[in-house]
Amino acid sequence: MSIVEAMERPRRLRSPLLRPLVAEVELSPKHLVLPLFVKEGGEKEEVSSMPGVFRHPLAGLPRVAEEALEAGLGGVILFGVLPQEAKDPLGRGAYAEDGVVQRAIGLLKREFPELLVMADTCLCEYTDHGHCGVVREGPLGFYVDNDATLDLLARTALSQAQAGADVVAPSAMMDGQVRAIREALDRGGFAHVPILSYAVKYASAFYGPFREAAQSAPGFGDRSGYQMDPRAGLWDALREAALDDLEGADMLMVKPALPYLDVLHALKGRFPKPLFAYQVSGEYAMLKAAALKGWLDERRAVLESLFALRRAGAQGILTYYALEAARWLQEA
């Protein structure tokens, strides 16, 4: 038998007519969630490190919501932006009844009840020091007081639910935050509101553009004391996810996305609940910058990255490319 006669021929399944039938990975606009940066007023401002991404004033949100609904997106997630003079050590703007995110939630749910609105539940955008919790001084310098932060996160989640949020998404990486939030929601009459936990969130170099957009960079030190070490083994990710699972998280998320496909895939096989991935600001910025330089075919590169996340196990993807990707998918 010749080599040709014995050859396997995978190409038989790659004809234009057969290829769609045997494809296993589906990507549609409903799998995508659009992050939105919300500020009090003024004009919308483009984020210099994220071309095409803006800080939106409250009055401009309805237009963006209309675009999200028309595109068929799975939803939006809100991040508040405050001027430095409005911040304080305890991040009171995060849980204020009239906070910018609370008002944004109310506006969107009144005008677009059919739009899924998620709220990021953290303090870093609202503290004057830029950390995700209550800062103390210790013998080795500053540290974030985990247990003192839990009540503030619970108050933030409850205020977001009271404003009408469909989902709260704790991202501070404090031990016990999911349990504290679940208990607060249940006591407050919001047992029906699900928690999307940033269960596996690394101390990543890919967050820089987000910190510019949300004006939330730490004023001193870094967040490696509470966010995960990229050098840690898979055991660390599995432990974090298992704890949030036991504490009552309804959905789990991995952040960043593409550098941690192995983690995403490992979690998918172990936890029988929806799994999300956050394609973060640095990932967006790299793709956008290369596309603007003409070094990448933006459409192909972005969709390839999103298909990779779906193939690894993400049921939902938070991405700043949500609107563009939805348009490309509809044109295909």
Foldseek 3Di string as FASTA:
>chain_A
DDPVVPDDDPCVCVDPVNVVVPDDFDDAQLQEEEEAEEEADDCWAAQPLFPPHTHHYLVPVVVVQVLSVVLNHNAYEYDYADPLVQAAQAQVLLQDLPRRLLVSLLVCCVVPVVHQYEYEQFRLLRHNQLAGAHWDQDPVGIDHDQVRGLVVSLSNLCSNVVSPHQEYEYDRQRPPNLLSNCVSCVVSVNNVRAYEYQQAFAQDPQAVSVCSRSVRAGNDDGSPVRHDHPPDDLVVSVVSVVSSVVSGHQEYEYPAAPVVLVSLLVVQVPDPHAYEHENHNSNSSVLVVCVVVVNDPSLVVVVVSVSSRSVSPHSHYYDNCSSVNSVVVVVD
